[in-house]
Amino acid sequence: MLTIASSKEVGIIGKAELDLSSYGHDSFNELKLPLKECKYENAFIQIGLKGVESKVLTQPTTPTADSGVNNDSMLTLM
């Protein structure tokens, strides 16, 4: 769930469902997401995200080396 806010004075405008699994490597997708829990009828937010491969730490982020997490690379959403 993605929470949409404006300024500190206005606060939260609404919420939108965002499925990050629909973004792949070098694939730019634009989505028009309807806002839920919003006082404005038919309100939406339009976003564009693209997944790019990036290098991260090769050391585990947890104290145990047997955590099963592969930190060699990851997909970053831009």
PDB file of N, CA and C in Angstrom:
ATOM      1  N   MET A   1       0.852  -1.163   0.000  1.00  0.00           N
ATOM      2  CA  MET A   1       0.000   0.000   0.000  1.00  0.00           C
ATOM      3  C   MET A   1       0.904   1.234   0.000  1.00  0.00           C
ATOM      4  N   LEU A   2       0.634   2.147  -0.897  1.00  0.00           N
ATOM      5  CA  LEU A   2       1.381   3.387  -1.035  1.00  0.00           C
ATOM      6  C   LEU A   2       0.535   4.516  -0.467  1.00  0.00           C
ATOM      7  N   THR A   3       1.043   5.242   0.509  1.00  0.00           N
ATOM      8  CA  THR A   3       0.317   6.350   1.115  1.00  0.00           C
ATOM      9  C   THR A   3       0.749   7.645   0.441  1.00  0.00           C
ATOM     10  N   ILE A   4      -0.231   8.432  -0.019  1.00  0.00           N
ATOM     11  CA  ILE A   4       0.027   9.673  -0.735  1.00  0.00           C
ATOM     12  C   ILE A   4      -0.264  10.848   0.193  1.00  0.00           C
ATOM     13  N   ALA A   5       0.722  11.722   0.350  1.00  0.00           N
ATOM     14  CA  ALA A   5       0.558  12.900   1.207  1.00  0.00           C
ATOM     15  C   ALA A   5       0.938  14.140   0.421  1.00  0.00           C
ATOM     16  N   SER A   6       0.410  15.274   0.852  1.00  0.00           N
ATOM     17  CA  SER A   6       0.722  16.558   0.217  1.00  0.00           C
ATOM     18  C   SER A   6       1.699  17.298   1.113  1.00  0.00           C
ATOM     19  N   SER A   7       1.285  18.357   1.706  1.00  0.00           N
ATOM     20  CA  SER A   7       2.134  19.119   2.618  1.00  0.00           C
ATOM     21  C   SER A   7       1.801  18.730   4.061  1.00  0.00           C
ATOM     22  N   LYS A   8       2.536  19.255   5.004  1.00  0.00           N
ATOM     23  CA  LYS A   8       2.254  18.971   6.411  1.00  0.00           C
ATOM     24  C   LYS A   8       0.875  19.484   6.802  1.00  0.00           C
ATOM     25  N   GLU A   9       0.473  20.596   6.210  1.00  0.00           N
ATOM     26  CA  GLU A   9      -0.824  21.178   6.532  1.00  0.00           C
ATOM     27  C   GLU A   9      -1.980  20.317   6.007  1.00  0.00           C
ATOM     28  N   VAL A  10      -1.838  19.780   4.800  1.00  0.00           N
ATOM     29  CA  VAL A  10      -2.903  18.981   4.177  1.00  0.00           C
ATOM     30  C   VAL A  10      -2.871  17.548   4.702  1.00  0.00           C
ATOM     31  N   GLY A  11      -1.688  16.980   4.814  1.00  0.00           N
ATOM     32  CA  GLY A  11      -1.546  15.613   5.312  1.00  0.00           C
ATOM     33  C   GLY A  11      -1.796  14.559   4.254  1.00  0.00           C
ATOM     34  N   ILE A  12      -2.301  13.418   4.679  1.00  0.00           N
ATOM     35  CA  ILE A  12      -2.526  12.281   3.788  1.00  0.00           C
ATOM     36  C   ILE A  12      -3.728  12.545   2.887  1.00  0.00           C
ATOM     37  N   ILE A  13      -3.520  12.352   1.578  1.00  0.00           N
ATOM     38  CA  ILE A  13      -4.582  12.549   0.592  1.00  0.00           C
ATOM     39  C   ILE A  13      -5.338  11.252   0.358  1.00  0.00           C
ATOM     40  N   GLY A  14      -4.608  10.145   0.293  1.00  0.00           N
ATOM     41  CA  GLY A  14      -5.232   8.855   0.044  1.00  0.00           C
ATOM     42  C   GLY A  14      -4.184   7.761   0.000  1.00  0.00           C
ATOM     43  N   LYS A  15      -4.620   6.564  -0.389  1.00  0.00           N
ATOM     44  CA  LYS A  15      -3.735   5.404  -0.485  1.00  0.00           C
ATOM     45  C   LYS A  15      -3.970   4.719  -1.819  1.00  0.00           C
ATOM     46  N   ALA A  16      -2.920   4.057  -2.338  1.00  0.00           N
ATOM     47  CA  ALA A  16      -3.023   3.361  -3.615  1.00  0.00           C
ATOM     48  C   ALA A  16      -2.319   2.019  -3.516  1.00  0.00           C
ATOM     49  N   GLU A  17      -2.859   1.034  -4.207  1.00  0.00           N
ATOM     50  CA  GLU A  17      -2.222  -0.280  -4.280  1.00  0.00           C
ATOM     51  C   GLU A  17      -1.109  -0.216  -5.315  1.00  0.00           C
ATOM     52  N   LEU A  18       0.098  -0.645  -4.955  1.00  0.00           N
ATOM     53  CA  LEU A  18       1.241  -0.642  -5.860  1.00  0.00           C
ATOM     54  C   LEU A  18       1.910  -2.003  -5.809  1.00  0.00           C
ATOM     55  N   ASP A  19       1.930  -2.693  -6.936  1.00  0.00           N
ATOM     56  CA  ASP A  19       2.537  -4.016  -7.028  1.00  0.00           C
ATOM     57  C   ASP A  19       3.911  -3.872  -7.679  1.00  0.00           C
ATOM     58  N   LEU A  20       4.962  -3.883  -6.869  1.00  0.00           N
ATOM     59  CA  LEU A  20       6.310  -3.703  -7.390  1.00  0.00           C
ATOM     60  C   LEU A  20       6.803  -4.897  -8.189  1.00  0.00           C
ATOM     61  N   SER A  21       6.142  -6.028  -8.104  1.00  0.00           N
ATOM     62  CA  SER A  21       6.572  -7.196  -8.868  1.00  0.00           C
ATOM     63  C   SER A  21       6.315  -7.030 -10.361  1.00  0.00           C
ATOM     64  N   SER A  22       5.540  -6.019 -10.766  1.00  0.00           N
ATOM     65  CA  SER A  22       5.265  -5.810 -12.190  1.00  0.00           C
ATOM     66  C   SER A  22       6.378  -5.047 -12.889  1.00  0.00           C
ATOM     67  N   TYR A  23       7.432  -4.673 -12.164  1.00  0.00           N
ATOM     68  CA  TYR A  23       8.543  -3.945 -12.758  1.00  0.00           C
ATOM     69  C   TYR A  23       9.725  -4.864 -12.934  1.00  0.00           C
ATOM     70  N   GLY A  24      10.240  -4.954 -14.152  1.00  0.00           N
ATOM     71  CA  GLY A  24      11.365  -5.823 -14.445  1.00  0.00           C
ATOM     72  C   GLY A  24      12.595  -5.030 -14.831  1.00  0.00           C
ATOM     73  N   HIS A  25      13.644  -5.728 -15.149  1.00  0.00           N
ATOM     74  CA  HIS A  25      14.914  -5.136 -15.526  1.00  0.00           C
ATOM     75  C   HIS A  25      14.769  -4.333 -16.816  1.00  0.00           C
ATOM     76  N   ASP A  26      15.165  -3.067 -16.784  1.00  0.00           N
ATOM     77  CA  ASP A  26      15.133  -2.144 -17.929  1.00  0.00           C
ATOM     78  C   ASP A  26      13.757  -2.018 -18.564  1.00  0.00           C
ATOM     79  N   SER A  27      12.729  -2.158 -17.769  1.00  0.00           N
ATOM     80  CA  SER A  27      11.359  -2.055 -18.252  1.00  0.00           C
ATOM     81  C   SER A  27      10.690  -0.881 -17.544  1.00  0.00           C
ATOM     82  N   PHE A  28      10.422   0.217 -18.292  1.00  0.00           N
ATOM     83  CA  PHE A  28       9.798   1.405 -17.707  1.00  0.00           C
ATOM     84  C   PHE A  28       8.293   1.283 -17.857  1.00  0.00           C
ATOM     85  N   ASN A  29       7.580   1.308 -16.733  1.00  0.00           N
ATOM     86  CA  ASN A  29       6.126   1.183 -16.742  1.00  0.00           C
ATOM     87  C   ASN A  29       5.493   2.407 -16.106  1.00  0.00           C
ATOM     88  N   GLU A  30       4.487   2.949 -16.775  1.00  0.00           N
ATOM     89  CA  GLU A  30       3.688   4.031 -16.199  1.00  0.00           C
ATOM     90  C   GLU A  30       2.360   3.454 -15.759  1.00  0.00           C
ATOM     91  N   LEU A  31       1.936   3.835 -14.572  1.00  0.00           N
ATOM     92  CA  LEU A  31       0.668   3.353 -14.034  1.00  0.00           C
ATOM     93  C   LEU A  31      -0.169   4.517 -13.536  1.00  0.00           C
ATOM     94  N   LYS A  32      -1.449   4.391 -13.714  1.00  0.00           N
ATOM     95  CA  LYS A  32      -2.419   5.341 -13.163  1.00  0.00           C
ATOM     96  C   LYS A  32      -3.135   4.598 -12.047  1.00  0.00           C
ATOM     97  N   LEU A  33      -2.822   4.958 -10.798  1.00  0.00           N
ATOM     98  CA  LEU A  33      -3.342   4.242  -9.636  1.00  0.00           C
ATOM     99  C   LEU A  33      -4.486   5.023  -8.997  1.00  0.00           C
ATOM    100  N   PRO A  34      -5.668   4.424  -8.908  1.00  0.00           N
ATOM    101  CA  PRO A  34      -6.774   5.098  -8.221  1.00  0.00           C
ATOM    102  C   PRO A  34      -6.496   5.210  -6.726  1.00  0.00           C
ATOM    103  N   LEU A  35      -6.890   6.341  -6.143  1.00  0.00           N
ATOM    104  CA  LEU A  35      -6.681   6.557  -4.712  1.00  0.00           C
ATOM    105  C   LEU A  35      -7.865   6.028  -3.919  1.00  0.00           C
ATOM    106  N   LYS A  36      -7.549   5.331  -2.851  1.00  0.00           N
ATOM    107  CA  LYS A  36      -8.548   4.825  -1.912  1.00  0.00           C
ATOM    108  C   LYS A  36      -8.515   5.713  -0.677  1.00  0.00           C
ATOM    109  N   GLU A  37      -9.585   5.692   0.085  1.00  0.00           N
ATOM    110  CA  GLU A  37      -9.676   6.481   1.315  1.00  0.00           C
ATOM    111  C   GLU A  37      -9.367   7.952   1.041  1.00  0.00           C
ATOM    112  N   CYS A  38      -9.874   8.469  -0.070  1.00  0.00           N
ATOM    113  CA  CYS A  38      -9.631   9.839  -0.498  1.00  0.00           C
ATOM    114  C   CYS A  38     -10.958  10.592  -0.536  1.00  0.00           C
ATOM    115  N   LYS A  39     -10.943  11.847  -0.100  1.00  0.00           N
ATOM    116  CA  LYS A  39     -12.185  12.616  -0.089  1.00  0.00           C
ATOM    117  C   LYS A  39     -12.552  13.138  -1.477  1.00  0.00           C
ATOM    118  N   TYR A  40     -11.631  13.059  -2.439  1.00  0.00           N
ATOM    119  CA  TYR A  40     -11.894  13.517  -3.793  1.00  0.00           C
ATOM    120  C   TYR A  40     -12.338  12.346  -4.665  1.00  0.00           C
ATOM    121  N   GLU A  41     -13.453  12.487  -5.325  1.00  0.00           N
ATOM    122  CA  GLU A  41     -13.996  11.418  -6.162  1.00  0.00           C
ATOM    123  C   GLU A  41     -13.131  11.224  -7.408  1.00  0.00           C
ATOM    124  N   ASN A  42     -12.883   9.972  -7.775  1.00  0.00           N
ATOM    125  CA  ASN A  42     -12.101   9.584  -8.954  1.00  0.00           C
ATOM    126  C   ASN A  42     -10.661  10.114  -8.936  1.00  0.00           C
ATOM    127  N   ALA A  43     -10.107  10.333  -7.750  1.00  0.00           N
ATOM    128  CA  ALA A  43      -8.729  10.814  -7.643  1.00  0.00           C
ATOM    129  C   ALA A  43      -7.761   9.682  -7.980  1.00  0.00           C
ATOM    130  N   PHE A  44      -6.616  10.043  -8.558  1.00  0.00           N
ATOM    131  CA  PHE A  44      -5.600   9.057  -8.905  1.00  0.00           C
ATOM    132  C   PHE A  44      -4.228   9.696  -8.829  1.00  0.00           C
ATOM    133  N   ILE A  45      -3.203   8.841  -8.848  1.00  0.00           N
ATOM    134  CA  ILE A  45      -1.819   9.283  -8.944  1.00  0.00           C
ATOM    135  C   ILE A  45      -1.214   8.529 -10.117  1.00  0.00           C
ATOM    136  N   GLN A  46      -0.435   9.225 -10.920  1.00  0.00           N
ATOM    137  CA  GLN A  46       0.228   8.591 -12.051  1.00  0.00           C
ATOM    138  C   GLN A  46       1.712   8.512 -11.744  1.00  0.00           C
ATOM    139  N   ILE A  47       2.261   7.304 -11.855  1.00  0.00           N
ATOM    140  CA  ILE A  47       3.673   7.096 -11.529  1.00  0.00           C
ATOM    141  C   ILE A  47       4.354   6.333 -12.653  1.00  0.00           C
ATOM    142  N   GLY A  48       5.646   6.472 -12.734  1.00  0.00           N
ATOM    143  CA  GLY A  48       6.455   5.700 -13.663  1.00  0.00           C
ATOM    144  C   GLY A  48       7.665   5.164 -12.932  1.00  0.00           C
ATOM    145  N   LEU A  49       7.879   3.873 -13.036  1.00  0.00           N
ATOM    146  CA  LEU A  49       9.013   3.228 -12.369  1.00  0.00           C
ATOM    147  C   LEU A  49       9.742   2.334 -13.355  1.00  0.00           C
ATOM    148  N   LYS A  50      11.046   2.209 -13.154  1.00  0.00           N
ATOM    149  CA  LYS A  50      11.869   1.351 -14.000  1.00  0.00           C
ATOM    150  C   LYS A  50      12.831   0.588 -13.110  1.00  0.00           C
ATOM    151  N   GLY A  51      12.971  -0.693 -13.333  1.00  0.00           N
ATOM    152  CA  GLY A  51      13.912  -1.501 -12.569  1.00  0.00           C
ATOM    153  C   GLY A  51      15.264  -1.525 -13.249  1.00  0.00           C
ATOM    154  N   VAL A  52      16.311  -1.261 -12.488  1.00  0.00           N
ATOM    155  CA  VAL A  52      17.675  -1.347 -13.003  1.00  0.00           C
ATOM    156  C   VAL A  52      18.502  -2.180 -12.038  1.00  0.00           C
ATOM    157  N   GLU A  53      19.419  -2.953 -12.587  1.00  0.00           N
ATOM    158  CA  GLU A  53      20.272  -3.785 -11.749  1.00  0.00           C
ATOM    159  C   GLU A  53      21.354  -2.923 -11.115  1.00  0.00           C
ATOM    160  N   SER A  54      21.599  -3.150  -9.847  1.00  0.00           N
ATOM    161  CA  SER A  54      22.638  -2.396  -9.147  1.00  0.00           C
ATOM    162  C   SER A  54      23.426  -3.328  -8.252  1.00  0.00           C
ATOM    163  N   LYS A  55      24.664  -2.961  -7.997  1.00  0.00           N
ATOM    164  CA  LYS A  55      25.508  -3.748  -7.104  1.00  0.00           C
ATOM    165  C   LYS A  55      25.288  -3.275  -5.679  1.00  0.00           C
ATOM    166  N   VAL A  56      25.297  -4.228  -4.759  1.00  0.00           N
ATOM    167  CA  VAL A  56      25.185  -3.917  -3.338  1.00  0.00           C
ATOM    168  C   VAL A  56      26.319  -4.606  -2.597  1.00  0.00           C
ATOM    169  N   LEU A  57      26.328  -4.453  -1.309  1.00  0.00           N
ATOM    170  CA  LEU A  57      27.366  -5.078  -0.492  1.00  0.00           C
ATOM    171  C   LEU A  57      27.426  -6.572  -0.724  1.00  0.00           C
ATOM    172  N   THR A  58      28.633  -7.116  -0.794  1.00  0.00           N
ATOM    173  CA  THR A  58      28.779  -8.558  -0.944  1.00  0.00           C
ATOM    174  C   THR A  58      28.791  -9.258   0.401  1.00  0.00           C
ATOM    175  N   GLN A  59      28.918  -8.499   1.484  1.00  0.00           N
ATOM    176  CA  GLN A  59      28.869  -9.077   2.823  1.00  0.00           C
ATOM    177  C   GLN A  59      27.414  -9.137   3.284  1.00  0.00           C
ATOM    178  N   PRO A  60      27.028 -10.174   3.992  1.00  0.00           N
ATOM    179  CA  PRO A  60      25.653 -10.243   4.517  1.00  0.00           C
ATOM    180  C   PRO A  60      25.359  -9.061   5.432  1.00  0.00           C
ATOM    181  N   THR A  61      24.127  -8.596   5.404  1.00  0.00           N
ATOM    182  CA  THR A  61      23.738  -7.472   6.255  1.00  0.00           C
ATOM    183  C   THR A  61      23.355  -7.933   7.653  1.00  0.00           C
ATOM    184  N   THR A  62      23.258  -9.243   7.842  1.00  0.00           N
ATOM    185  CA  THR A  62      22.926  -9.790   9.155  1.00  0.00           C
ATOM    186  C   THR A  62      24.188 -10.387   9.774  1.00  0.00           C
ATOM    187  N   PRO A  63      24.203 -10.551  11.081  1.00  0.00           N
ATOM    188  CA  PRO A  63      25.400 -11.085  11.744  1.00  0.00           C
ATOM    189  C   PRO A  63      25.752 -12.513  11.334  1.00  0.00           C
ATOM    190  N   THR A  64      24.788 -13.296  10.853  1.00  0.00           N
ATOM    191  CA  THR A  64      25.077 -14.685  10.502  1.00  0.00           C
ATOM    192  C   THR A  64      25.304 -14.805   9.003  1.00  0.00           C
ATOM    193  N   ALA A  65      26.351 -15.506   8.621  1.00  0.00           N
ATOM    194  CA  ALA A  65      26.665 -15.696   7.205  1.00  0.00           C
ATOM    195  C   ALA A  65      25.748 -16.725   6.558  1.00  0.00           C
ATOM    196  N   ASP A  66      25.047 -17.526   7.354  1.00  0.00           N
ATOM    197  CA  ASP A  66      24.178 -18.574   6.818  1.00  0.00           C
ATOM    198  C   ASP A  66      22.725 -18.128   6.729  1.00  0.00           C
ATOM    199  N   SER A  67      22.491 -16.844   6.507  1.00  0.00           N
ATOM    200  CA  SER A  67      21.115 -16.344   6.488  1.00  0.00           C
ATOM    201  C   SER A  67      20.375 -16.703   5.207  1.00  0.00           C
ATOM    202  N   GLY A  68      21.103 -17.145   4.164  1.00  0.00           N
ATOM    203  CA  GLY A  68      20.448 -17.496   2.910  1.00  0.00           C
ATOM    204  C   GLY A  68      20.172 -16.304   2.013  1.00  0.00           C
ATOM    205  N   VAL A  69      20.629 -15.130   2.394  1.00  0.00           N
ATOM    206  CA  VAL A  69      20.396 -13.928   1.589  1.00  0.00           C
ATOM    207  C   VAL A  69      21.556 -13.745   0.626  1.00  0.00           C
ATOM    208  N   ASN A  70      21.240 -13.563  -0.659  1.00  0.00           N
ATOM    209  CA  ASN A  70      22.265 -13.320  -1.666  1.00  0.00           C
ATOM    210  C   ASN A  70      22.345 -11.823  -1.916  1.00  0.00           C
ATOM    211  N   ASN A  71      23.432 -11.199  -1.519  1.00  0.00           N
ATOM    212  CA  ASN A  71      23.585  -9.754  -1.650  1.00  0.00           C
ATOM    213  C   ASN A  71      24.482  -9.368  -2.826  1.00  0.00           C
ATOM    214  N   ASP A  72      24.683 -10.253  -3.814  1.00  0.00           N
ATOM    215  CA  ASP A  72      25.561  -9.935  -4.931  1.00  0.00           C
ATOM    216  C   ASP A  72      24.971  -8.853  -5.828  1.00  0.00           C
ATOM    217  N   SER A  73      23.682  -8.868  -6.091  1.00  0.00           N
ATOM    218  CA  SER A  73      23.037  -7.828  -6.888  1.00  0.00           C
ATOM    219  C   SER A  73      21.570  -7.769  -6.528  1.00  0.00           C
ATOM    220  N   MET A  74      20.942  -6.683  -6.939  1.00  0.00           N
ATOM    221  CA  MET A  74      19.513  -6.532  -6.663  1.00  0.00           C
ATOM    222  C   MET A  74      18.890  -5.667  -7.735  1.00  0.00           C
ATOM    223  N   LEU A  75      17.592  -5.636  -7.774  1.00  0.00           N
ATOM    224  CA  LEU A  75      16.865  -4.795  -8.720  1.00  0.00           C
ATOM    225  C   LEU A  75      16.407  -3.551  -7.980  1.00  0.00           C
ATOM    226  N   THR A  76      16.807  -2.386  -8.461  1.00  0.00           N
ATOM    227  CA  THR A  76      16.459  -1.114  -7.839  1.00  0.00           C
ATOM    228  C   THR A  76      15.413  -0.430  -8.684  1.00  0.00           C
ATOM    229  N   LEU A  77      14.364   0.088  -8.056  1.00  0.00           N
ATOM    230  CA  LEU A  77      13.327   0.817  -8.782  1.00  0.00           C
ATOM    231  C   LEU A  77      13.668   2.284  -8.809  1.00  0.00           C
ATOM    232  N   MET A  78      13.616   2.874  -9.988  1.00  0.00           N
ATOM    233  CA  MET A  78      13.939   4.295 -10.144  1.00  0.00           C
ATOM    234  C   MET A  78      12.705   5.024 -10.648  1.00  0.00           C
TER     235      MET A  78
END
